[in-house]
């Protein structure tokens, strides 16, 4: 689970085994590991490596062809006889390069941390492999030494230590854990119930099947045309659906997105919002469980997020399959958070303090739904440095959504959650130009960053993105003053937000894996800059400079 923010400033729980370095390992398809070489070349045409828009049929065909060749591909990249590949996604670039993302199994068991991406040039020639795990997948025995019940018991105990309530284990399945060090036989247990702040719980606990030792843990819930009178974005246009004589808050033009009312409950889908005159909301917050204003902001945020991804990256929905998620508002009672949940493929918003401060602002909507994009691409583990990158990705794209919308009531900025006033003093939740201004986030990388809560370790990547977009030093953008420092005292010149977004998206979708850490993220973004603009380009140089400026080298 990744809500928008951590309600209590606390460090991430200690993990028995450290998260894998997550370095991106690039190899020739039929050879052993070698030093990674950025894809593309100095001669690459600008944006030739940008993703091309694929129809649902074309994407399905590419996936089916890749799956049909999966056994051959596994052999070509040197996987063992017990390993199989399962296609998760395919991205095709404008220049014809294809990036196929695979999950892996070993003796029929899922390999967690075994995901990889095979890059193939238009000619069909191998262009490298990016792996989450360096180690060969091989275990001595598939017979566990502890029972599944013991693994479940440990997982429930872990959840209770976190302050979870009503915790229940949904069984333990055998897996191969390859997220850190030598791959081992393990159990994965998912614990439900509620977290300490009332957010639904979906805690994944990985337990060594031989020793009973906890290896890893992460949360699976991830945070953040009618006329609508919104609370944060003024009067907006909404695509609605007329059913008989009743209008529904149902956007058939964006994958069928619907907005539901939970009426202060914490489970179920809720009731679809309907209206008689197609004019929604009042523009003011209300504690009423039937209030439409929060629904207007949620529906508007969903449509702007959809349009941002479609217009900016050619991505059709969160899964890039043309299917829309759905949104739920009025979750719980005075619930001060918002979250994305993969299991329901839905976005959920609390009403905030006194049920009159809904967390439905534009950047929050973009932030939370971007967790879904991350889950369906790199799948960054929601813990340690990869968890910080996961959160930063949502801040980065949430910011992109806000700028894209061009709404005069909520002008684009590099502040996160500035409209929802969670702190009660008008200050933003997070600052991208100098993350430490929030009192907990990291401006620069250090060896202890991975032990911070992911909402604070994200500061390193947020700072990188701001520097890459706008550069260092004092400046005013859209009326907001910024003053971004650098770790090494350097002066960084930005390349503009549009290019920075393209680089981050390409890195996420074609070069990052579940275990990517900050060092590997630097490599991934350099790969992306090289593929998009060339390895001798100003953009490539700026990426390197921005990472150095946040102490990632």
Protein backbone atom coordinates (compact mmCIF):
# COMPACT_ATOMS: atom_id res chain seq x y z
CA UNK A 1 0.00 0.00 0.00
CA UNK A 2 1.36 3.41 -0.80
CA UNK A 3 -0.79 6.24 0.53
CA UNK A 4 0.06 9.81 -0.42
CA UNK A 5 2.16 10.40 2.67
CA UNK A 6 3.34 8.87 5.92
CA UNK A 7 1.10 10.11 8.68
CA UNK A 8 3.76 9.60 11.31
CA UNK A 9 7.35 10.48 10.53
CA UNK A 10 9.11 7.18 11.06
CA UNK A 11 11.78 5.17 9.36
CA UNK A 12 11.01 2.13 7.28
CA UNK A 13 11.11 -1.06 9.32
CA UNK A 14 14.40 -2.90 9.36
CA UNK A 15 14.49 -5.69 6.83
CA UNK A 16 16.27 -8.87 7.72
CA UNK A 17 18.02 -9.02 4.41
CA UNK A 18 18.97 -5.81 2.67
CA UNK A 19 17.29 -4.90 -0.58
CA UNK A 20 19.31 -5.92 -3.62
CA UNK A 21 21.49 -3.32 -5.23
CA UNK A 22 19.15 -3.49 -8.20
CA UNK A 23 21.82 -2.54 -10.69
CA UNK A 24 20.71 -2.81 -14.28
CA UNK A 25 22.64 -5.64 -15.85
CA UNK A 26 22.88 -5.30 -19.61
CA UNK A 27 24.17 -8.28 -21.57
CA UNK A 28 24.28 -9.60 -25.05
CA UNK A 29 21.39 -11.99 -25.65
CA UNK A 30 23.56 -15.06 -25.97
CA UNK A 31 26.55 -14.07 -23.86
CA UNK A 32 27.45 -13.74 -20.21
CA UNK A 33 27.20 -10.50 -18.26
CA UNK A 34 29.22 -7.56 -19.48
CA UNK A 35 29.48 -3.89 -18.69
CA UNK A 36 26.31 -2.01 -19.46
CA UNK A 37 26.35 0.12 -22.57
CA UNK A 38 23.64 2.76 -22.95
CA UNK A 39 21.16 1.98 -25.68
CA UNK A 40 21.20 4.28 -28.70
CA UNK A 41 24.14 6.28 -29.98
CA UNK A 42 25.33 9.78 -30.54
CA UNK A 43 23.80 9.63 -34.00
CA UNK A 44 20.32 8.81 -32.65
CA UNK A 45 17.66 11.21 -33.86
CA UNK A 46 15.89 13.16 -31.13
CA UNK A 47 12.92 11.22 -29.75
CA UNK A 48 13.48 8.34 -32.20
CA UNK A 49 13.45 6.15 -29.12
CA UNK A 50 10.23 7.61 -27.75
CA UNK A 51 7.45 5.05 -27.38
CA UNK A 52 5.07 4.81 -30.30
CA UNK A 53 1.34 4.55 -29.77
CA UNK A 54 0.12 0.99 -30.22
CA UNK A 55 -3.48 -0.01 -30.78
CA UNK A 56 -4.85 -2.59 -28.37
CA UNK A 57 -4.74 -5.17 -31.16
CA UNK A 58 -1.13 -4.36 -32.10
CA UNK A 59 -0.01 -4.51 -28.47
CA UNK A 60 -1.79 -7.83 -27.96
CA UNK A 61 -0.16 -9.23 -31.10
CA UNK A 62 3.33 -8.19 -29.93
CA UNK A 63 2.72 -9.77 -26.53
CA UNK A 64 1.43 -12.99 -28.08
CA UNK A 65 4.41 -13.21 -30.45
CA UNK A 66 6.86 -12.57 -27.62
CA UNK A 67 5.19 -15.23 -25.47
CA UNK A 68 5.32 -17.71 -28.33
CA UNK A 69 9.08 -17.15 -28.53
CA UNK A 70 9.57 -17.07 -24.76
CA UNK A 71 11.30 -20.45 -24.54
CA UNK A 72 13.69 -19.51 -27.36
CA UNK A 73 14.37 -16.13 -25.74
CA UNK A 74 15.07 -17.78 -22.38
CA UNK A 75 17.65 -20.01 -24.03
CA UNK A 76 19.23 -17.12 -25.94
CA UNK A 77 19.77 -15.04 -22.82
CA UNK A 78 21.25 -17.98 -20.95
CA UNK A 79 18.50 -18.96 -18.54
CA UNK A 80 18.50 -22.44 -17.02
CA UNK A 81 16.35 -25.38 -18.00
CA UNK A 82 13.97 -24.83 -15.05
CA UNK A 83 13.42 -21.17 -15.86
CA UNK A 84 10.58 -19.84 -18.00
CA UNK A 85 9.61 -16.36 -19.12
CA UNK A 86 6.14 -14.83 -18.94
CA UNK A 87 5.55 -11.64 -20.94
CA UNK A 88 4.30 -8.73 -18.84
CA UNK A 89 4.42 -5.88 -21.35
CA UNK A 90 5.85 -4.76 -24.67
CA UNK A 91 6.93 -1.21 -25.57
CA UNK A 92 7.79 -0.31 -29.17
CA UNK A 93 9.81 2.81 -29.98
CA UNK A 94 9.33 5.12 -32.94
CA UNK A 95 12.57 3.77 -34.46
CA UNK A 96 11.28 0.19 -34.29
CA UNK A 97 13.19 -0.92 -31.20
CA UNK A 98 11.11 -3.28 -29.05
CA UNK A 99 11.45 -3.59 -25.27
CA UNK A 100 9.80 -6.73 -23.90
CA UNK A 101 9.30 -6.95 -20.15
CA UNK A 102 9.18 -10.45 -18.64
CA UNK A 103 8.41 -12.04 -15.29
CA UNK A 104 10.29 -15.27 -14.58
CA UNK A 105 9.43 -18.64 -13.06
CA UNK A 106 11.70 -21.39 -11.74
CA UNK A 107 10.37 -24.94 -11.62
CA UNK A 108 6.92 -23.41 -11.94
CA UNK A 109 7.36 -21.02 -8.98
CA UNK A 110 7.24 -17.23 -9.41
CA UNK A 111 10.65 -15.58 -9.12
CA UNK A 112 10.29 -12.36 -7.14
CA UNK A 113 13.04 -10.00 -8.27
CA UNK A 114 13.59 -12.06 -11.41
CA UNK A 115 11.98 -9.63 -13.83
CA UNK A 116 13.96 -8.56 -16.88
CA UNK A 117 13.63 -6.56 -20.09
CA UNK A 118 14.88 -7.77 -23.47
CA UNK A 119 15.74 -5.01 -25.96
CA UNK A 120 15.55 -5.82 -29.68
CA UNK A 121 16.46 -3.50 -32.55
CA UNK A 122 14.15 -3.05 -35.54
CA UNK A 123 16.42 -5.37 -37.52
CA UNK A 124 15.79 -8.12 -34.99
CA UNK A 125 19.33 -7.84 -33.64
CA UNK A 126 19.80 -8.17 -29.87
CA UNK A 127 20.25 -4.80 -28.17
CA UNK A 128 20.78 -5.97 -24.60
CA UNK A 129 19.03 -7.28 -21.52
CA UNK A 130 18.19 -5.38 -18.33
CA UNK A 131 17.84 -7.64 -15.29
CA UNK A 132 16.59 -7.02 -11.78
CA UNK A 133 18.83 -9.77 -10.35
CA UNK A 134 22.45 -10.48 -11.23
CA UNK A 135 22.54 -13.97 -9.71
CA UNK A 136 21.65 -17.07 -11.68
CA UNK A 137 18.36 -18.51 -10.48
CA UNK A 138 19.09 -21.85 -8.86
CA UNK A 139 18.10 -23.35 -5.52
CA UNK A 140 19.31 -26.59 -3.94
CA UNK A 141 15.88 -27.84 -2.91
CA UNK A 142 12.24 -27.04 -3.54
CA UNK A 143 11.18 -28.69 -0.28
CA UNK A 144 10.49 -26.13 2.49
CA UNK A 145 11.84 -26.75 5.99
CA UNK A 146 9.16 -24.66 7.71
CA UNK A 147 5.40 -24.84 7.26
CA UNK A 148 3.27 -22.33 5.42
CA UNK A 149 1.40 -21.76 8.69
CA UNK A 150 4.59 -20.59 10.39
CA UNK A 151 5.27 -18.14 7.55
CA UNK A 152 1.71 -16.80 7.85
CA UNK A 153 2.11 -16.41 11.61
CA UNK A 154 5.30 -14.41 11.14
CA UNK A 155 3.66 -12.18 8.53
CA UNK A 156 0.68 -11.40 10.77
CA UNK A 157 3.07 -10.64 13.63
CA UNK A 158 4.99 -8.24 11.38
CA UNK A 159 1.77 -6.47 10.42
CA UNK A 160 0.75 -6.10 14.06
CA UNK A 161 4.16 -4.64 14.87
CA UNK A 162 3.44 -2.00 12.24
CA UNK A 163 0.26 -1.11 14.10
CA UNK A 164 -2.14 -2.85 11.72
CA UNK A 165 -5.62 -3.73 12.95
CA UNK A 166 -7.88 -6.64 11.99
CA UNK A 167 -4.92 -8.39 10.38
CA UNK A 168 -5.60 -11.58 8.46
CA UNK A 169 -3.24 -13.66 6.32
CA UNK A 170 -4.47 -14.65 2.89
CA UNK A 171 -2.39 -17.84 2.74
CA UNK A 172 1.30 -18.30 1.98
CA UNK A 173 2.53 -19.30 -1.48
CA UNK A 174 5.90 -20.79 -2.38
CA UNK A 175 8.13 -18.51 -4.44
CA UNK A 176 11.79 -18.02 -5.32
CA UNK A 177 13.15 -14.86 -3.70
CA UNK A 178 15.81 -13.25 -5.89
CA UNK A 179 15.45 -9.68 -4.66
CA UNK A 180 18.71 -9.76 -2.72
CA UNK A 181 21.78 -11.95 -2.68
CA UNK A 182 21.60 -15.63 -3.54
CA UNK A 183 18.14 -16.81 -4.68
CA UNK A 184 16.32 -18.97 -2.10
CA UNK A 185 13.08 -20.89 -1.74
CA UNK A 186 10.65 -18.71 0.19
CA UNK A 187 7.06 -18.08 1.15
CA UNK A 188 5.14 -14.94 0.21
CA UNK A 189 2.31 -14.10 2.59
CA UNK A 190 -0.16 -11.26 2.03
CA UNK A 191 -1.74 -9.78 5.15
CA UNK A 192 -4.99 -7.83 4.90
CA UNK A 193 -6.92 -5.74 7.39
CA UNK A 194 -6.16 -2.09 8.13
CA UNK A 195 -2.99 -0.10 8.68
CA UNK A 196 -2.59 2.08 11.77
CA UNK A 197 -4.12 5.13 10.05
CA UNK A 198 -7.15 3.27 8.67
CA UNK A 199 -5.69 2.71 5.20
CA UNK A 200 -6.39 -0.80 3.87
CA UNK A 201 -3.52 -3.20 4.47
CA UNK A 202 -1.90 -5.39 1.84
CA UNK A 203 1.43 -6.22 3.46
CA UNK A 204 3.60 -8.71 1.53
CA UNK A 205 6.07 -10.58 3.74
CA UNK A 206 8.77 -12.82 2.25
CA UNK A 207 10.00 -15.61 4.55
CA UNK A 208 12.95 -17.96 3.94
CA UNK A 209 11.38 -21.42 3.57
CA UNK A 210 14.48 -23.08 5.04
CA UNK A 211 15.21 -20.91 8.08
CA UNK A 212 11.99 -19.01 8.75
CA UNK A 213 13.93 -15.76 8.54
CA UNK A 214 12.06 -12.71 7.24
CA UNK A 215 13.73 -11.60 4.02
CA UNK A 216 11.65 -8.66 2.84
CA UNK A 217 8.38 -6.82 3.27
CA UNK A 218 6.47 -4.23 1.30
CA UNK A 219 3.02 -2.70 1.02
CA UNK A 220 0.91 -3.58 -2.03
CA UNK A 221 -1.55 -0.66 -1.69
CA UNK A 222 -0.04 2.38 -3.38
CA UNK A 223 -0.42 5.73 -2.51
CA UNK A 224 -1.62 8.77 -3.82
CA UNK A 225 -19.52 16.56 -20.71
CA UNK A 226 -21.11 17.93 -17.72
CA UNK A 227 -20.15 20.90 -15.66
CA UNK A 228 -18.36 20.26 -12.40
CA UNK A 229 -17.85 22.77 -9.63
CA UNK A 230 -14.69 21.48 -7.97
CA UNK A 231 -13.10 22.40 -4.68
CA UNK A 232 -9.54 22.84 -5.98
CA UNK A 233 -9.73 23.37 -9.76
CA UNK A 234 -12.66 25.76 -10.26
CA UNK A 235 -15.42 24.98 -12.74
CA UNK A 236 -14.40 22.15 -15.07
CA UNK A 237 -15.86 20.12 -17.91
CA UNK A 238 -16.59 16.46 -17.23
CA UNK A 239 -17.43 13.67 -19.64
CA UNK A 240 -20.56 11.98 -18.30
CA UNK A 241 -22.98 9.31 -19.49
CA UNK A 242 -26.74 9.69 -19.92
CA UNK A 243 -28.63 6.57 -18.85
CA UNK A 244 -32.32 7.07 -19.41
CA UNK A 245 -33.01 10.46 -17.86
CA UNK A 246 -30.12 10.27 -15.37
CA UNK A 247 -26.54 11.41 -15.85
CA UNK A 248 -23.76 9.19 -14.50
CA UNK A 249 -20.23 10.22 -13.51
CA UNK A 250 -18.97 7.72 -16.07
CA UNK A 251 -16.37 8.71 -18.68
CA UNK A 252 -16.78 6.33 -21.61
CA UNK A 253 -14.13 8.20 -23.64
CA UNK A 254 -11.33 7.36 -21.20
CA UNK A 255 -11.50 3.64 -20.76
CA UNK A 256 -14.80 3.69 -18.86
CA UNK A 257 -13.63 5.52 -15.74
CA UNK A 258 -16.36 5.73 -13.08
CA UNK A 259 -16.52 7.67 -9.83
CA UNK A 260 -18.20 6.01 -6.85
CA UNK A 261 -19.39 7.15 -3.43
CA UNK A 262 -18.27 5.03 -0.46
CA UNK A 263 -20.36 7.18 1.89
CA UNK A 264 -17.74 6.94 4.67
CA UNK A 265 -17.42 3.16 4.42
CA UNK A 266 -14.04 1.44 4.02
CA UNK A 267 -14.90 -1.49 1.77
CA UNK A 268 -16.79 -2.29 -1.39
CA UNK A 269 -17.08 -0.35 -4.62
CA UNK A 270 -19.71 2.10 -3.44
CA UNK A 271 -22.52 3.72 -5.41
CA UNK A 272 -21.99 5.33 -8.80
CA UNK A 273 -22.57 9.09 -8.66
CA UNK A 274 -25.63 10.20 -10.62
CA UNK A 275 -27.27 13.58 -11.26
CA UNK A 276 -30.43 14.92 -12.89
CA UNK A 277 -29.11 18.08 -14.63
CA UNK A 278 -25.46 17.22 -15.41
CA UNK A 279 -24.20 20.03 -13.19
CA UNK A 280 -22.12 18.50 -10.43
CA UNK A 281 -20.90 19.80 -7.07
CA UNK A 282 -21.02 23.16 -5.38
CA UNK A 283 -17.37 24.21 -5.32
CA UNK A 284 -17.36 24.00 -1.53
CA UNK A 285 -16.44 21.19 0.82
CA UNK A 286 -19.16 19.48 2.83
CA UNK A 287 -19.07 16.74 5.43
CA UNK A 288 -22.14 15.18 3.85
CA UNK A 289 -21.58 11.64 2.58
CA UNK A 290 -23.58 12.53 -0.55
CA UNK A 291 -21.49 15.59 -1.43
CA UNK A 292 -20.60 15.66 -5.15
CA UNK A 293 -17.76 18.20 -4.97
CA UNK A 294 -15.11 15.65 -3.97
CA UNK A 295 -16.36 13.43 -6.80
CA UNK A 296 -15.93 16.30 -9.28
CA UNK A 297 -12.29 16.74 -8.28
CA UNK A 298 -11.68 12.98 -8.45
CA UNK A 299 -13.28 12.62 -11.88
CA UNK A 300 -11.43 15.68 -13.19
CA UNK A 301 -8.13 14.37 -11.82
CA UNK A 302 -8.70 11.02 -13.52
CA UNK A 303 -9.44 12.56 -16.90
CA UNK A 304 -6.46 14.93 -16.75
CA UNK A 305 -4.16 12.08 -15.71
CA UNK A 306 -5.43 9.92 -18.58
CA UNK A 307 -4.96 12.79 -21.06
CA UNK A 308 -1.49 13.63 -19.70
CA UNK A 309 -0.21 10.09 -20.26
CA UNK A 310 -1.91 9.82 -23.66
CA UNK A 311 -0.69 13.19 -24.95
CA UNK A 312 2.80 13.11 -23.42
CA UNK A 313 3.81 9.46 -23.83
CA UNK A 314 1.18 7.89 -26.07
CA UNK A 315 0.13 5.70 -23.13
CA UNK A 316 -3.50 4.58 -23.19
CA UNK A 317 -4.46 4.18 -19.56
CA UNK A 318 -2.62 2.90 -16.53
CA UNK A 319 -1.96 -0.53 -18.04
CA UNK A 320 -1.58 0.92 -21.55
CA UNK A 321 -4.47 -1.28 -22.67
CA UNK A 322 -7.19 1.34 -23.04
CA UNK A 323 -8.97 0.30 -19.84
CA UNK A 324 -9.76 2.93 -17.23
CA UNK A 325 -9.50 2.48 -13.47
CA UNK A 326 -12.27 3.71 -11.20
CA UNK A 327 -12.31 6.18 -8.31
CA UNK A 328 -13.90 6.07 -4.86
CA UNK A 329 -14.47 9.16 -2.70
CA UNK A 330 -15.72 9.67 0.89
CA UNK A 331 -13.57 6.78 2.16
CA UNK A 332 -13.76 6.25 5.92
CA UNK A 333 -14.39 8.91 8.51
CA UNK A 334 -12.03 11.91 8.59
CA UNK A 335 -9.47 9.76 6.74
CA UNK A 336 -6.49 12.01 5.97
CA UNK A 337 -4.95 10.20 3.03
CA UNK A 338 -5.48 8.82 -0.47
CA UNK A 339 -4.23 5.61 -2.04
CA UNK A 340 -3.99 3.48 -5.17
CA UNK A 341 -4.85 -0.23 -4.93
CA UNK A 342 -3.76 -2.64 -7.68
CA UNK A 343 -6.06 -5.39 -6.43
CA UNK A 344 -9.20 -3.39 -7.29
CA UNK A 345 -7.48 -1.31 -9.98
CA UNK A 346 -8.94 1.74 -8.29
CA UNK A 347 -8.15 5.10 -6.74
CA UNK A 348 -9.48 6.02 -3.28
CA UNK A 349 -9.72 9.38 -1.51
CA UNK A 350 -10.36 10.26 2.12
CA UNK A 351 -12.22 13.40 3.16
CA UNK A 352 -9.51 14.71 5.46
CA UNK A 353 -9.91 16.40 8.82
CA UNK A 354 -13.55 16.78 9.85
CA UNK A 355 -14.55 15.23 6.51
CA UNK A 356 -14.23 18.71 4.95
CA UNK A 357 -10.74 18.58 3.41
CA UNK A 358 -10.87 15.87 0.71
CA UNK A 359 -7.52 14.76 -0.67
CA UNK A 360 -8.69 15.11 -4.26
CA UNK A 361 -6.42 17.81 -5.67
CA UNK A 362 -5.01 17.45 -9.17
CA UNK A 363 -1.44 16.51 -8.25
CA UNK A 364 -2.68 14.00 -5.66
CA UNK A 365 -4.83 12.29 -8.31
CA UNK A 366 -1.91 12.19 -10.75
CA UNK A 367 0.42 10.97 -8.00
CA UNK A 368 -1.76 8.07 -6.89
CA UNK A 369 -2.73 6.81 -10.34
CA UNK A 370 0.92 6.95 -11.35
CA UNK A 371 1.54 4.26 -8.73
CA UNK A 372 -0.55 2.08 -11.01
CA UNK A 373 1.68 2.93 -13.97
CA UNK A 374 4.79 2.05 -11.95
CA UNK A 375 3.21 -1.23 -10.84
CA UNK A 376 2.47 -2.17 -14.44
CA UNK A 377 5.92 -1.22 -15.74
CA UNK A 378 9.04 -1.38 -13.56
CA UNK A 379 7.17 -2.68 -10.51
CA UNK A 380 9.55 -0.88 -8.15
CA UNK A 381 9.52 -2.61 -4.75
CA UNK A 382 7.82 -0.36 -2.20
CA UNK A 383 10.67 -0.44 0.30
CA UNK A 384 14.22 0.89 0.59
CA UNK A 385 15.67 2.95 -2.25
CA UNK A 386 13.40 1.36 -4.86
CA UNK A 387 10.45 2.45 -2.71
CA UNK A 388 11.75 6.01 -2.69
CA UNK A 389 12.01 5.89 -6.47
CA UNK A 390 8.45 4.54 -6.61
CA UNK A 391 7.15 7.48 -4.58
CA UNK A 392 9.23 10.00 -6.50
CA UNK A 393 7.89 8.65 -9.79
CA UNK A 394 4.38 9.47 -8.57
CA UNK A 395 5.44 12.96 -7.46
CA UNK A 396 7.16 13.54 -10.80
CA UNK A 397 4.19 12.47 -12.91
CA UNK A 398 1.69 14.08 -10.52
CA UNK A 399 3.57 17.33 -11.11
CA UNK A 400 3.47 16.62 -14.84
CA UNK A 401 -0.32 16.23 -14.67
CA UNK A 402 -0.71 19.53 -12.84
CA UNK A 403 1.37 21.44 -15.40
CA UNK A 404 -0.35 19.62 -18.29
CA UNK A 405 -3.84 20.58 -17.10
CA UNK A 406 -3.03 24.29 -17.30
CA UNK A 407 -5.77 25.05 -14.79
CA UNK A 408 -5.77 28.67 -13.61
CA UNK A 409 -7.20 27.66 -10.22
CA UNK A 410 -4.39 25.18 -9.60
CA UNK A 411 -1.38 26.45 -11.54
CA UNK A 412 1.48 24.02 -12.21
CA UNK A 413 4.28 24.04 -9.65
CA UNK A 414 6.96 21.85 -8.09
CA UNK A 415 5.12 21.61 -4.78
CA UNK A 416 3.27 18.42 -3.81
CA UNK A 417 -0.13 18.61 -2.14
CA UNK A 418 -0.07 22.38 -1.77
CA UNK A 419 -3.86 22.62 -2.21
CA UNK A 420 -4.97 20.08 0.41
CA UNK A 421 -3.26 21.78 3.40
CA UNK A 422 -2.58 18.61 5.38
CA UNK A 423 -0.19 20.50 7.67
CA UNK A 424 -2.87 23.03 8.55
CA UNK A 425 -0.61 26.03 7.94
CA UNK A 426 -0.91 26.37 4.16
CA UNK A 427 2.44 24.68 3.50
CA UNK A 428 2.86 21.94 0.87
CA UNK A 429 3.33 18.30 1.74
CA UNK A 430 6.62 18.11 -0.21
CA UNK A 431 9.02 20.43 -2.07
CA UNK A 432 10.89 19.22 -5.16
CA UNK A 433 13.44 22.05 -5.35
CA UNK A 434 14.68 21.46 -1.79
CA UNK A 435 12.96 18.39 -0.33
CA UNK A 436 14.35 18.85 3.21
CA UNK A 437 12.09 21.89 3.65
CA UNK A 438 9.34 19.46 4.70
CA UNK A 439 11.39 18.47 7.75
CA UNK A 440 11.95 14.84 6.79
CA UNK A 441 12.89 14.35 3.13
CA UNK A 442 16.43 13.89 1.85
CA UNK A 443 17.98 16.47 -0.47
CA UNK A 444 20.88 14.20 -1.37
CA UNK A 445 21.76 10.52 -1.46
CA UNK A 446 23.59 8.94 1.47
CA UNK A 447 24.05 5.36 2.61
CA UNK A 448 21.20 5.82 5.08
CA UNK A 449 18.61 7.03 2.57
CA UNK A 450 17.22 3.53 2.06
CA UNK A 451 16.27 3.28 5.74
CA UNK A 452 13.97 6.31 5.55
CA UNK A 453 10.24 6.07 4.97
CA UNK A 454 9.76 5.95 1.19
CA UNK A 455 7.93 9.29 1.25
CA UNK A 456 11.16 10.90 2.51
CA UNK A 457 13.77 8.87 0.61
CA UNK A 458 11.91 10.00 -2.52
CA UNK A 459 13.42 13.45 -2.00
CA UNK A 460 16.64 12.51 -3.79
CA UNK A 461 14.84 11.68 -7.06
CA UNK A 462 12.43 14.61 -6.71
CA UNK A 463 15.40 16.95 -6.32
CA UNK A 464 17.10 15.34 -9.33
CA UNK A 465 13.99 15.86 -11.45
CA UNK A 466 13.64 19.50 -10.45
CA UNK A 467 17.31 20.19 -11.21
CA UNK A 468 17.10 18.38 -14.55
CA UNK A 469 13.98 20.36 -15.47
CA UNK A 470 14.75 23.83 -14.14
CA UNK A 471 18.36 23.90 -12.96
CA UNK A 472 19.89 25.09 -9.69
CA UNK A 473 19.74 28.43 -7.90
CA UNK A 474 17.00 30.95 -7.23
CA UNK A 475 14.17 31.49 -9.71
CA UNK A 476 10.43 32.16 -9.87
CA UNK A 477 8.14 29.91 -11.91
CA UNK A 478 4.40 30.60 -12.24
CA UNK A 479 4.63 32.95 -9.27
CA UNK A 480 6.33 30.44 -6.95
CA UNK A 481 9.86 31.13 -5.71
CA UNK A 482 12.40 28.29 -5.71
CA UNK A 483 16.03 28.07 -4.67
CA UNK A 484 17.54 24.68 -5.41
CA UNK A 485 20.98 23.86 -3.95
CA UNK A 486 23.46 21.19 -5.10
CA UNK A 487 25.50 18.71 -3.07
CA UNK A 488 28.74 19.50 -4.86
CA UNK A 489 28.24 23.24 -5.21
CA UNK A 490 27.83 22.91 -8.97
CA UNK A 491 25.59 24.97 -11.19
CA UNK A 492 23.09 22.81 -13.07
CA UNK A 493 21.35 24.06 -16.20
CA UNK A 494 17.92 22.53 -16.74
CA UNK A 495 16.75 21.01 -20.03
CA UNK A 496 13.07 21.78 -19.48
CA UNK A 497 10.32 19.76 -17.87
CA UNK A 498 9.09 18.22 -21.15
CA UNK A 499 12.41 16.51 -21.88
CA UNK A 500 12.92 15.54 -18.24
CA UNK A 501 9.53 13.80 -18.25
CA UNK A 502 10.36 11.89 -21.43
CA UNK A 503 13.64 10.71 -19.93
CA UNK A 504 12.06 9.57 -16.65
CA UNK A 505 9.20 7.78 -18.40
CA UNK A 506 11.50 5.94 -20.78
CA UNK A 507 13.79 4.96 -17.91
CA UNK A 508 10.81 3.66 -15.92
CA UNK A 509 9.24 1.71 -18.75
CA UNK A 510 12.31 0.26 -20.46
CA UNK A 511 15.31 0.31 -18.08
CA UNK A 512 14.14 0.14 -14.45
CA UNK A 513 13.23 -3.11 -12.70
CA UNK A 514 11.70 -4.05 -9.36
CA UNK A 515 14.97 -3.70 -7.45
CA UNK A 516 16.37 -0.54 -9.06
CA UNK A 517 18.14 1.65 -6.51
CA UNK A 518 19.49 5.19 -6.90
CA UNK A 519 22.75 4.17 -8.54
CA UNK A 520 20.84 1.99 -11.00
CA UNK A 521 18.31 4.79 -11.59
CA UNK A 522 21.20 7.01 -12.68
CA UNK A 523 22.21 4.35 -15.22
CA UNK A 524 18.61 3.90 -16.35
CA UNK A 525 18.06 7.62 -16.98
CA UNK A 526 21.39 7.93 -18.79
CA UNK A 527 20.33 5.01 -20.97
CA UNK A 528 17.05 6.77 -21.62
CA UNK A 529 18.72 10.11 -22.44
CA UNK A 530 21.12 8.35 -24.77
CA UNK A 531 18.33 6.51 -26.56
CA UNK A 532 16.21 9.64 -26.91
CA UNK A 533 18.81 12.32 -27.60
CA UNK A 534 22.20 10.64 -28.09
CA UNK A 535 25.08 9.83 -25.76
CA UNK A 536 26.93 13.07 -26.60
CA UNK A 537 23.85 15.29 -26.29
CA UNK A 538 23.32 18.17 -23.89
CA UNK A 539 20.43 16.19 -22.41
CA UNK A 540 22.69 13.23 -21.57
CA UNK A 541 25.24 15.56 -19.96
CA UNK A 542 22.50 17.29 -17.96
CA UNK A 543 21.22 13.97 -16.58
CA UNK A 544 24.71 13.10 -15.35
CA UNK A 545 25.17 16.57 -13.85
CA UNK A 546 21.81 16.51 -12.05
CA UNK A 547 22.55 13.12 -10.46
CA UNK A 548 25.98 14.33 -9.31
CA UNK A 549 24.27 17.38 -7.83
CA UNK A 550 22.23 15.07 -5.55
CA UNK A 551 25.28 12.92 -4.71
CA UNK A 552 24.47 9.95 -6.95
CA UNK A 553 27.49 9.07 -9.01
